[in-house]
Amino acid sequence: MARHRLKKRDFRSPRTYYDVRLDLHGMFSEEAMREVERTIASNPGCSILVIHGHGTGVLRNAVRRALQAHRLPMVRDYVFGEDINAPGLDGVTVIYT
């Protein structure tokens, strides 16, 4: 009888269904938008989970307004977290490049 070893799980980072995870907590909106643009440009063909949080809605509004106004040309599609019941609901946005 062969013995199987269980692989040790890495608990340092949570598993996610997205290629890239971008956390904007603690940033000002200008800084956050520069980071969103840089992440989109450096990750073509990926899904990006943007975590902007609930808070006062400043970061959420900045990200979503830029997407809705088509100011980010490399974006193929985007989905709001509350529309797909993503963990974080309206505190996240998923961007597809």
PDB file of N, CA and C in Angstrom:
ATOM      1  N   MET A   1       0.840  -1.186   0.000  1.00  0.00           N
ATOM      2  CA  MET A   1       0.000   0.000   0.000  1.00  0.00           C
ATOM      3  C   MET A   1       0.884   1.247   0.000  1.00  0.00           C
ATOM      4  N   ALA A   2       0.663   2.118  -0.946  1.00  0.00           N
ATOM      5  CA  ALA A   2       1.470   3.325  -1.072  1.00  0.00           C
ATOM      6  C   ALA A   2       0.935   4.413  -0.145  1.00  0.00           C
ATOM      7  N   ARG A   3       1.860   5.119   0.447  1.00  0.00           N
ATOM      8  CA  ARG A   3       1.472   6.236   1.306  1.00  0.00           C
ATOM      9  C   ARG A   3       1.555   7.528   0.510  1.00  0.00           C
ATOM     10  N   HIS A   4       0.562   8.344   0.671  1.00  0.00           N
ATOM     11  CA  HIS A   4       0.540   9.624  -0.023  1.00  0.00           C
ATOM     12  C   HIS A   4       0.761  10.722   0.986  1.00  0.00           C
ATOM     13  N   ARG A   5       1.622  11.627   0.636  1.00  0.00           N
ATOM     14  CA  ARG A   5       1.846  12.773   1.503  1.00  0.00           C
ATOM     15  C   ARG A   5       0.949  13.917   1.067  1.00  0.00           C
ATOM     16  N   LEU A   6       0.368  14.552   2.025  1.00  0.00           N
ATOM     17  CA  LEU A   6      -0.432  15.732   1.717  1.00  0.00           C
ATOM     18  C   LEU A   6       0.495  16.910   1.503  1.00  0.00           C
ATOM     19  N   LYS A   7       0.209  17.695   0.496  1.00  0.00           N
ATOM     20  CA  LYS A   7       1.013  18.883   0.256  1.00  0.00           C
ATOM     21  C   LYS A   7       0.690  19.919   1.306  1.00  0.00           C
ATOM     22  N   LYS A   8       1.720  20.600   1.734  1.00  0.00           N
ATOM     23  CA  LYS A   8       1.538  21.665   2.709  1.00  0.00           C
ATOM     24  C   LYS A   8       0.929  22.871   2.009  1.00  0.00           C
ATOM     25  N   ARG A   9      -0.154  23.384   2.546  1.00  0.00           N
ATOM     26  CA  ARG A   9      -0.819  24.540   1.937  1.00  0.00           C
ATOM     27  C   ARG A   9      -0.117  25.820   2.331  1.00  0.00           C
ATOM     28  N   ASP A  10      -0.095  26.749   1.423  1.00  0.00           N
ATOM     29  CA  ASP A  10       0.487  28.060   1.664  1.00  0.00           C
ATOM     30  C   ASP A  10      -0.632  28.987   2.135  1.00  0.00           C
ATOM     31  N   PHE A  11      -0.588  29.381   3.393  1.00  0.00           N
ATOM     32  CA  PHE A  11      -1.648  30.205   3.968  1.00  0.00           C
ATOM     33  C   PHE A  11      -1.294  31.689   3.959  1.00  0.00           C
ATOM     34  N   ARG A  12      -0.186  32.069   3.325  1.00  0.00           N
ATOM     35  CA  ARG A  12       0.220  33.470   3.324  1.00  0.00           C
ATOM     36  C   ARG A  12      -0.699  34.351   2.502  1.00  0.00           C
ATOM     37  N   SER A  13      -1.222  33.849   1.418  1.00  0.00           N
ATOM     38  CA  SER A  13      -2.109  34.668   0.593  1.00  0.00           C
ATOM     39  C   SER A  13      -3.366  33.865   0.265  1.00  0.00           C
ATOM     40  N   PRO A  14      -4.520  34.518   0.300  1.00  0.00           N
ATOM     41  CA  PRO A  14      -5.758  33.796   0.005  1.00  0.00           C
ATOM     42  C   PRO A  14      -5.834  33.412  -1.466  1.00  0.00           C
ATOM     43  N   ARG A  15      -6.512  32.306  -1.737  1.00  0.00           N
ATOM     44  CA  ARG A  15      -6.703  31.872  -3.125  1.00  0.00           C
ATOM     45  C   ARG A  15      -7.716  32.788  -3.782  1.00  0.00           C
ATOM     46  N   THR A  16      -7.504  33.029  -5.037  1.00  0.00           N
ATOM     47  CA  THR A  16      -8.400  33.899  -5.777  1.00  0.00           C
ATOM     48  C   THR A  16      -8.572  33.344  -7.187  1.00  0.00           C
ATOM     49  N   TYR A  17      -9.648  33.677  -7.815  1.00  0.00           N
ATOM     50  CA  TYR A  17      -9.921  33.223  -9.166  1.00  0.00           C
ATOM     51  C   TYR A  17      -9.432  34.217 -10.211  1.00  0.00           C
ATOM     52  N   TYR A  18      -8.727  35.216  -9.793  1.00  0.00           N
ATOM     53  CA  TYR A  18      -8.281  36.277 -10.684  1.00  0.00           C
ATOM     54  C   TYR A  18      -6.766  36.217 -10.844  1.00  0.00           C
ATOM     55  N   ASP A  19      -6.286  36.685 -11.990  1.00  0.00           N
ATOM     56  CA  ASP A  19      -4.857  36.635 -12.268  1.00  0.00           C
ATOM     57  C   ASP A  19      -4.062  37.612 -11.401  1.00  0.00           C
ATOM     58  N   VAL A  20      -4.621  38.794 -11.186  1.00  0.00           N
ATOM     59  CA  VAL A  20      -3.926  39.842 -10.448  1.00  0.00           C
ATOM     60  C   VAL A  20      -4.872  40.407  -9.397  1.00  0.00           C
ATOM     61  N   ARG A  21      -4.328  40.708  -8.248  1.00  0.00           N
ATOM     62  CA  ARG A  21      -5.102  41.312  -7.160  1.00  0.00           C
ATOM     63  C   ARG A  21      -4.465  42.657  -6.831  1.00  0.00           C
ATOM     64  N   LEU A  22      -5.243  43.728  -6.893  1.00  0.00           N
ATOM     65  CA  LEU A  22      -4.748  45.077  -6.638  1.00  0.00           C
ATOM     66  C   LEU A  22      -5.543  45.690  -5.491  1.00  0.00           C
ATOM     67  N   ASP A  23      -4.867  45.976  -4.389  1.00  0.00           N
ATOM     68  CA  ASP A  23      -5.514  46.543  -3.206  1.00  0.00           C
ATOM     69  C   ASP A  23      -5.201  48.033  -3.131  1.00  0.00           C
ATOM     70  N   LEU A  24      -6.233  48.861  -3.169  1.00  0.00           N
ATOM     71  CA  LEU A  24      -6.067  50.314  -3.187  1.00  0.00           C
ATOM     72  C   LEU A  24      -6.301  50.961  -1.821  1.00  0.00           C
ATOM     73  N   HIS A  25      -6.533  50.174  -0.802  1.00  0.00           N
ATOM     74  CA  HIS A  25      -6.798  50.729   0.531  1.00  0.00           C
ATOM     75  C   HIS A  25      -5.688  51.691   0.961  1.00  0.00           C
ATOM     76  N   GLY A  26      -6.094  52.826   1.499  1.00  0.00           N
ATOM     77  CA  GLY A  26      -5.155  53.799   2.042  1.00  0.00           C
ATOM     78  C   GLY A  26      -4.563  54.750   1.022  1.00  0.00           C
ATOM     79  N   MET A  27      -4.938  54.649  -0.229  1.00  0.00           N
ATOM     80  CA  MET A  27      -4.400  55.527  -1.269  1.00  0.00           C
ATOM     81  C   MET A  27      -5.342  56.703  -1.522  1.00  0.00           C
ATOM     82  N   PHE A  28      -4.768  57.796  -1.995  1.00  0.00           N
ATOM     83  CA  PHE A  28      -5.571  58.903  -2.492  1.00  0.00           C
ATOM     84  C   PHE A  28      -6.043  58.522  -3.887  1.00  0.00           C
ATOM     85  N   SER A  29      -7.109  59.140  -4.370  1.00  0.00           N
ATOM     86  CA  SER A  29      -7.693  58.709  -5.642  1.00  0.00           C
ATOM     87  C   SER A  29      -6.729  58.878  -6.821  1.00  0.00           C
ATOM     88  N   GLU A  30      -5.944  59.954  -6.860  1.00  0.00           N
ATOM     89  CA  GLU A  30      -4.992  60.144  -7.964  1.00  0.00           C
ATOM     90  C   GLU A  30      -3.938  59.046  -7.957  1.00  0.00           C
ATOM     91  N   GLU A  31      -3.409  58.752  -6.784  1.00  0.00           N
ATOM     92  CA  GLU A  31      -2.404  57.699  -6.637  1.00  0.00           C
ATOM     93  C   GLU A  31      -3.001  56.338  -7.011  1.00  0.00           C
ATOM     94  N   ALA A  32      -4.224  56.095  -6.571  1.00  0.00           N
ATOM     95  CA  ALA A  32      -4.898  54.826  -6.863  1.00  0.00           C
ATOM     96  C   ALA A  32      -5.127  54.662  -8.361  1.00  0.00           C
ATOM     97  N   MET A  33      -5.537  55.716  -9.038  1.00  0.00           N
ATOM     98  CA  MET A  33      -5.785  55.618 -10.474  1.00  0.00           C
ATOM     99  C   MET A  33      -4.493  55.402 -11.249  1.00  0.00           C
ATOM    100  N   ARG A  34      -3.393  56.005 -10.805  1.00  0.00           N
ATOM    101  CA  ARG A  34      -2.097  55.732 -11.444  1.00  0.00           C
ATOM    102  C   ARG A  34      -1.732  54.263 -11.289  1.00  0.00           C
ATOM    103  N   GLU A  35      -2.000  53.708 -10.125  1.00  0.00           N
ATOM    104  CA  GLU A  35      -1.696  52.299  -9.862  1.00  0.00           C
ATOM    105  C   GLU A  35      -2.595  51.383 -10.697  1.00  0.00           C
ATOM    106  N   VAL A  36      -3.866  51.734 -10.840  1.00  0.00           N
ATOM    107  CA  VAL A  36      -4.780  50.961 -11.681  1.00  0.00           C
ATOM    108  C   VAL A  36      -4.289  50.990 -13.127  1.00  0.00           C
ATOM    109  N   GLU A  37      -3.944  52.157 -13.640  1.00  0.00           N
ATOM    110  CA  GLU A  37      -3.460  52.285 -15.012  1.00  0.00           C
ATOM    111  C   GLU A  37      -2.174  51.491 -15.228  1.00  0.00           C
ATOM    112  N   ARG A  38      -1.246  51.552 -14.263  1.00  0.00           N
ATOM    113  CA  ARG A  38       0.016  50.822 -14.367  1.00  0.00           C
ATOM    114  C   ARG A  38      -0.231  49.319 -14.365  1.00  0.00           C
ATOM    115  N   THR A  39      -1.137  48.856 -13.514  1.00  0.00           N
ATOM    116  CA  THR A  39      -1.446  47.435 -13.420  1.00  0.00           C
ATOM    117  C   THR A  39      -2.108  46.935 -14.700  1.00  0.00           C
ATOM    118  N   ILE A  40      -3.018  47.704 -15.242  1.00  0.00           N
ATOM    119  CA  ILE A  40      -3.684  47.327 -16.492  1.00  0.00           C
ATOM    120  C   ILE A  40      -2.665  47.250 -17.627  1.00  0.00           C
ATOM    121  N   ALA A  41      -1.794  48.241 -17.722  1.00  0.00           N
ATOM    122  CA  ALA A  41      -0.809  48.277 -18.805  1.00  0.00           C
ATOM    123  C   ALA A  41       0.190  47.131 -18.711  1.00  0.00           C
ATOM    124  N   SER A  42       0.532  46.712 -17.507  1.00  0.00           N
ATOM    125  CA  SER A  42       1.554  45.672 -17.351  1.00  0.00           C
ATOM    126  C   SER A  42       0.977  44.258 -17.307  1.00  0.00           C
ATOM    127  N   ASN A  43      -0.337  44.109 -17.404  1.00  0.00           N
ATOM    128  CA  ASN A  43      -0.963  42.787 -17.351  1.00  0.00           C
ATOM    129  C   ASN A  43      -1.994  42.604 -18.457  1.00  0.00           C
ATOM    130  N   PRO A  44      -1.565  42.592 -19.720  1.00  0.00           N
ATOM    131  CA  PRO A  44      -2.530  42.386 -20.807  1.00  0.00           C
ATOM    132  C   PRO A  44      -3.055  40.952 -20.801  1.00  0.00           C
ATOM    133  N   GLY A  45      -4.332  40.804 -21.142  1.00  0.00           N
ATOM    134  CA  GLY A  45      -4.945  39.476 -21.213  1.00  0.00           C
ATOM    135  C   GLY A  45      -5.207  38.839 -19.865  1.00  0.00           C
ATOM    136  N   CYS A  46      -5.330  39.630 -18.838  1.00  0.00           N
ATOM    137  CA  CYS A  46      -5.527  39.113 -17.479  1.00  0.00           C
ATOM    138  C   CYS A  46      -6.833  39.620 -16.876  1.00  0.00           C
ATOM    139  N   SER A  47      -7.224  38.959 -15.802  1.00  0.00           N
ATOM    140  CA  SER A  47      -8.336  39.461 -14.991  1.00  0.00           C
ATOM    141  C   SER A  47      -7.726  40.077 -13.737  1.00  0.00           C
ATOM    142  N   ILE A  48      -8.179  41.269 -13.403  1.00  0.00           N
ATOM    143  CA  ILE A  48      -7.621  42.019 -12.280  1.00  0.00           C
ATOM    144  C   ILE A  48      -8.725  42.291 -11.272  1.00  0.00           C
ATOM    145  N   LEU A  49      -8.526  41.828 -10.050  1.00  0.00           N
ATOM    146  CA  LEU A  49      -9.457  42.113  -8.961  1.00  0.00           C
ATOM    147  C   LEU A  49      -8.983  43.384  -8.282  1.00  0.00           C
ATOM    148  N   VAL A  50      -9.731  44.459  -8.457  1.00  0.00           N
ATOM    149  CA  VAL A  50      -9.395  45.741  -7.848  1.00  0.00           C
ATOM    150  C   VAL A  50     -10.183  45.857  -6.556  1.00  0.00           C
ATOM    151  N   ILE A  51      -9.469  45.939  -5.438  1.00  0.00           N
ATOM    152  CA  ILE A  51     -10.098  46.059  -4.122  1.00  0.00           C
ATOM    153  C   ILE A  51     -10.005  47.522  -3.704  1.00  0.00           C
ATOM    154  N   HIS A  52     -11.120  48.224  -3.789  1.00  0.00           N
ATOM    155  CA  HIS A  52     -11.132  49.638  -3.422  1.00  0.00           C
ATOM    156  C   HIS A  52     -11.843  49.861  -2.107  1.00  0.00           C
ATOM    157  N   GLY A  53     -12.562  48.883  -1.630  1.00  0.00           N
ATOM    158  CA  GLY A  53     -13.233  48.971  -0.343  1.00  0.00           C
ATOM    159  C   GLY A  53     -14.539  49.737  -0.395  1.00  0.00           C
ATOM    160  N   HIS A  54     -15.226  49.751   0.734  1.00  0.00           N
ATOM    161  CA  HIS A  54     -16.517  50.444   0.847  1.00  0.00           C
ATOM    162  C   HIS A  54     -16.278  51.900   1.214  1.00  0.00           C
ATOM    163  N   GLY A  55     -15.839  52.152   2.411  1.00  0.00           N
ATOM    164  CA  GLY A  55     -15.494  53.484   2.890  1.00  0.00           C
ATOM    165  C   GLY A  55     -16.466  54.565   2.474  1.00  0.00           C
ATOM    166  N   THR A  56     -15.914  55.702   2.086  1.00  0.00           N
ATOM    167  CA  THR A  56     -16.737  56.829   1.654  1.00  0.00           C
ATOM    168  C   THR A  56     -17.106  56.736   0.180  1.00  0.00           C
ATOM    169  N   GLY A  57     -16.495  55.802  -0.543  1.00  0.00           N
ATOM    170  CA  GLY A  57     -16.817  55.602  -1.950  1.00  0.00           C
ATOM    171  C   GLY A  57     -15.951  56.395  -2.908  1.00  0.00           C
ATOM    172  N   VAL A  58     -14.958  57.114  -2.391  1.00  0.00           N
ATOM    173  CA  VAL A  58     -14.127  57.944  -3.262  1.00  0.00           C
ATOM    174  C   VAL A  58     -13.334  57.083  -4.237  1.00  0.00           C
ATOM    175  N   LEU A  59     -12.672  56.037  -3.745  1.00  0.00           N
ATOM    176  CA  LEU A  59     -11.885  55.168  -4.626  1.00  0.00           C
ATOM    177  C   LEU A  59     -12.788  54.380  -5.570  1.00  0.00           C
ATOM    178  N   ARG A  60     -13.890  53.853  -5.043  1.00  0.00           N
ATOM    179  CA  ARG A  60     -14.834  53.103  -5.875  1.00  0.00           C
ATOM    180  C   ARG A  60     -15.333  53.975  -7.023  1.00  0.00           C
ATOM    181  N   ASN A  61     -15.733  55.205  -6.709  1.00  0.00           N
ATOM    182  CA  ASN A  61     -16.251  56.111  -7.733  1.00  0.00           C
ATOM    183  C   ASN A  61     -15.179  56.481  -8.753  1.00  0.00           C
ATOM    184  N   ALA A  62     -13.953  56.701  -8.317  1.00  0.00           N
ATOM    185  CA  ALA A  62     -12.876  57.057  -9.243  1.00  0.00           C
ATOM    186  C   ALA A  62     -12.617  55.918 -10.231  1.00  0.00           C
ATOM    187  N   VAL A  63     -12.534  54.691  -9.733  1.00  0.00           N
ATOM    188  CA  VAL A  63     -12.275  53.535 -10.597  1.00  0.00           C
ATOM    189  C   VAL A  63     -13.439  53.322 -11.553  1.00  0.00           C
ATOM    190  N   ARG A  64     -14.641  53.314 -11.037  1.00  0.00           N
ATOM    191  CA  ARG A  64     -15.809  53.009 -11.867  1.00  0.00           C
ATOM    192  C   ARG A  64     -16.127  54.109 -12.870  1.00  0.00           C
ATOM    193  N   ARG A  65     -15.910  55.356 -12.505  1.00  0.00           N
ATOM    194  CA  ARG A  65     -16.131  56.448 -13.461  1.00  0.00           C
ATOM    195  C   ARG A  65     -15.146  56.361 -14.620  1.00  0.00           C
ATOM    196  N   ALA A  66     -13.894  56.040 -14.313  1.00  0.00           N
ATOM    197  CA  ALA A  66     -12.893  55.896 -15.373  1.00  0.00           C
ATOM    198  C   ALA A  66     -13.261  54.754 -16.313  1.00  0.00           C
ATOM    199  N   LEU A  67     -13.769  53.665 -15.765  1.00  0.00           N
ATOM    200  CA  LEU A  67     -14.178  52.532 -16.604  1.00  0.00           C
ATOM    201  C   LEU A  67     -15.393  52.888 -17.455  1.00  0.00           C
ATOM    202  N   GLN A  68     -16.377  53.520 -16.864  1.00  0.00           N
ATOM    203  CA  GLN A  68     -17.599  53.863 -17.583  1.00  0.00           C
ATOM    204  C   GLN A  68     -17.362  54.930 -18.644  1.00  0.00           C
ATOM    205  N   ALA A  69     -16.374  55.795 -18.433  1.00  0.00           N
ATOM    206  CA  ALA A  69     -16.059  56.846 -19.405  1.00  0.00           C
ATOM    207  C   ALA A  69     -15.048  56.356 -20.448  1.00  0.00           C
ATOM    208  N   HIS A  70     -14.673  55.091 -20.389  1.00  0.00           N
ATOM    209  CA  HIS A  70     -13.728  54.488 -21.343  1.00  0.00           C
ATOM    210  C   HIS A  70     -12.388  55.216 -21.358  1.00  0.00           C
ATOM    211  N   ARG A  71     -11.934  55.660 -20.175  1.00  0.00           N
ATOM    212  CA  ARG A  71     -10.650  56.352 -20.087  1.00  0.00           C
ATOM    213  C   ARG A  71      -9.473  55.387 -19.978  1.00  0.00           C
ATOM    214  N   LEU A  72      -9.761  54.111 -19.870  1.00  0.00           N
ATOM    215  CA  LEU A  72      -8.717  53.102 -19.767  1.00  0.00           C
ATOM    216  C   LEU A  72      -8.799  52.224 -21.015  1.00  0.00           C
ATOM    217  N   PRO A  73      -8.072  52.577 -22.076  1.00  0.00           N
ATOM    218  CA  PRO A  73      -8.263  51.941 -23.380  1.00  0.00           C
ATOM    219  C   PRO A  73      -7.911  50.455 -23.450  1.00  0.00           C
ATOM    220  N   MET A  74      -7.076  49.947 -22.571  1.00  0.00           N
ATOM    221  CA  MET A  74      -6.682  48.542 -22.652  1.00  0.00           C
ATOM    222  C   MET A  74      -7.700  47.598 -22.001  1.00  0.00           C
ATOM    223  N   VAL A  75      -8.764  48.149 -21.439  1.00  0.00           N
ATOM    224  CA  VAL A  75      -9.776  47.339 -20.755  1.00  0.00           C
ATOM    225  C   VAL A  75     -10.749  46.760 -21.781  1.00  0.00           C
ATOM    226  N   ARG A  76     -10.875  45.423 -21.789  1.00  0.00           N
ATOM    227  CA  ARG A  76     -11.836  44.753 -22.665  1.00  0.00           C
ATOM    228  C   ARG A  76     -13.225  44.773 -22.051  1.00  0.00           C
ATOM    229  N   ASP A  77     -13.285  44.520 -20.729  1.00  0.00           N
ATOM    230  CA  ASP A  77     -14.572  44.438 -20.033  1.00  0.00           C
ATOM    231  C   ASP A  77     -14.335  44.657 -18.554  1.00  0.00           C
ATOM    232  N   TYR A  78     -15.399  44.926 -17.833  1.00  0.00           N
ATOM    233  CA  TYR A  78     -15.319  45.069 -16.379  1.00  0.00           C
ATOM    234  C   TYR A  78     -16.654  44.667 -15.775  1.00  0.00           C
ATOM    235  N   VAL A  79     -16.603  44.266 -14.509  1.00  0.00           N
ATOM    236  CA  VAL A  79     -17.800  43.842 -13.791  1.00  0.00           C
ATOM    237  C   VAL A  79     -17.699  44.379 -12.371  1.00  0.00           C
ATOM    238  N   PHE A  80     -18.796  44.901 -11.871  1.00  0.00           N
ATOM    239  CA  PHE A  80     -18.838  45.360 -10.489  1.00  0.00           C
ATOM    240  C   PHE A  80     -19.064  44.162  -9.576  1.00  0.00           C
ATOM    241  N   GLY A  81     -18.401  44.161  -8.437  1.00  0.00           N
ATOM    242  CA  GLY A  81     -18.463  43.033  -7.516  1.00  0.00           C
ATOM    243  C   GLY A  81     -19.861  42.660  -7.082  1.00  0.00           C
ATOM    244  N   GLU A  82     -20.725  43.649  -6.864  1.00  0.00           N
ATOM    245  CA  GLU A  82     -22.085  43.353  -6.411  1.00  0.00           C
ATOM    246  C   GLU A  82     -22.916  42.677  -7.499  1.00  0.00           C
ATOM    247  N   ASP A  83     -22.519  42.844  -8.766  1.00  0.00           N
ATOM    248  CA  ASP A  83     -23.261  42.231  -9.863  1.00  0.00           C
ATOM    249  C   ASP A  83     -22.995  40.731  -9.998  1.00  0.00           C
ATOM    250  N   ILE A  84     -21.848  40.282  -9.483  1.00  0.00           N
ATOM    251  CA  ILE A  84     -21.497  38.860  -9.592  1.00  0.00           C
ATOM    252  C   ILE A  84     -21.350  38.205  -8.222  1.00  0.00           C
ATOM    253  N   ASN A  85     -21.790  38.898  -7.185  1.00  0.00           N
ATOM    254  CA  ASN A  85     -21.669  38.404  -5.805  1.00  0.00           C
ATOM    255  C   ASN A  85     -20.241  38.018  -5.445  1.00  0.00           C
ATOM    256  N   ALA A  86     -19.291  38.808  -5.897  1.00  0.00           N
ATOM    257  CA  ALA A  86     -17.886  38.581  -5.560  1.00  0.00           C
ATOM    258  C   ALA A  86     -17.674  38.918  -4.090  1.00  0.00           C
ATOM    259  N   PRO A  87     -16.744  38.233  -3.423  1.00  0.00           N
ATOM    260  CA  PRO A  87     -16.447  38.591  -2.040  1.00  0.00           C
ATOM    261  C   PRO A  87     -16.055  40.061  -1.968  1.00  0.00           C
ATOM    262  N   GLY A  88     -16.715  40.801  -1.119  1.00  0.00           N
ATOM    263  CA  GLY A  88     -16.489  42.238  -1.024  1.00  0.00           C
ATOM    264  C   GLY A  88     -17.579  43.043  -1.675  1.00  0.00           C
ATOM    265  N   LEU A  89     -18.403  42.390  -2.477  1.00  0.00           N
ATOM    266  CA  LEU A  89     -19.538  43.022  -3.163  1.00  0.00           C
ATOM    267  C   LEU A  89     -19.171  44.359  -3.790  1.00  0.00           C
ATOM    268  N   ASP A  90     -19.744  45.469  -3.297  1.00  0.00           N
ATOM    269  CA  ASP A  90     -19.468  46.759  -3.938  1.00  0.00           C
ATOM    270  C   ASP A  90     -18.126  47.341  -3.522  1.00  0.00           C
ATOM    271  N   GLY A  91     -17.331  46.590  -2.795  1.00  0.00           N
ATOM    272  CA  GLY A  91     -15.979  47.014  -2.429  1.00  0.00           C
ATOM    273  C   GLY A  91     -14.922  46.531  -3.410  1.00  0.00           C
ATOM    274  N   VAL A  92     -15.356  45.827  -4.474  1.00  0.00           N
ATOM    275  CA  VAL A  92     -14.411  45.334  -5.482  1.00  0.00           C
ATOM    276  C   VAL A  92     -14.960  45.566  -6.883  1.00  0.00           C
ATOM    277  N   THR A  93     -14.044  45.619  -7.834  1.00  0.00           N
ATOM    278  CA  THR A  93     -14.376  45.696  -9.256  1.00  0.00           C
ATOM    279  C   THR A  93     -13.426  44.761  -9.974  1.00  0.00           C
ATOM    280  N   VAL A  94     -13.922  44.011 -10.945  1.00  0.00           N
ATOM    281  CA  VAL A  94     -13.095  43.091 -11.730  1.00  0.00           C
ATOM    282  C   VAL A  94     -12.896  43.701 -13.114  1.00  0.00           C
ATOM    283  N   ILE A  95     -11.635  43.793 -13.520  1.00  0.00           N
ATOM    284  CA  ILE A  95     -11.287  44.354 -14.820  1.00  0.00           C
ATOM    285  C   ILE A  95     -10.653  43.264 -15.668  1.00  0.00           C
ATOM    286  N   TYR A  96     -11.075  43.165 -16.926  1.00  0.00           N
ATOM    287  CA  TYR A  96     -10.507  42.202 -17.872  1.00  0.00           C
ATOM    288  C   TYR A  96      -9.759  42.980 -18.951  1.00  0.00           C
ATOM    289  N   THR A  97      -8.467  42.664 -19.122  1.00  0.00           N
ATOM    290  CA  THR A  97      -7.643  43.378 -20.115  1.00  0.00           C
ATOM    291  C   THR A  97      -7.422  42.516 -21.336  1.00  0.00           C
TER     292      THR A  97
END
